[in-house]
Each structure stands twice: as C-alpha cells, then as structure tokens.
Amino acid sequence: MNENYNFIEKCKEAIEKGIKIVIRSQCTYDGINLDVYETGKKTKEIGIIVFEKITREFAYTWLMWKLANEN
C-alpha cells in the first residue's frame, strides 16, 4: 500500500462531497465493534454510517431508499 495513502482522510473528503460511506460486517451472524481500534473510532467521528448488526439485505434496501429520497 502507498505509505502516503490515508484511508480516514480519503473517506472524510468523500463525505464532505456528499458521498455516503457505510461500514458493516461481512459476517452473517455477528456485528462489528469500531471502538476497539483507533481507525474504527475515527470512522465514527468523521461521519461514516455504521451498521453494527444488520443483514446485508437491510443495508442494501436502506441505501437504495436513502439515495432515492435525498434532495
């Protein structure tokens, strides 16, 4: 990976442009805890949408609805 690449900074730039960023677990039956590591804590601080314990289907449906109903 490029040592000059800053994941959090790139996400922050995208959010400032109005792009929605969502984090959810790939696990079918378990959630995520972003409070464990510094990067996880920062993702919450900058406004990344965190789906801690939801299904993939709910995430897709929610995102489609959200994108269709924004001004």
Foldseek 3Di string as FASTA:
>chain_A
DDPVDDPLVVVLVCVVVVDAAEDWDPDAAAFDDLVPDPVSVSCVVSPHHYDGGDGPVVVVVVVVVVVVPDD
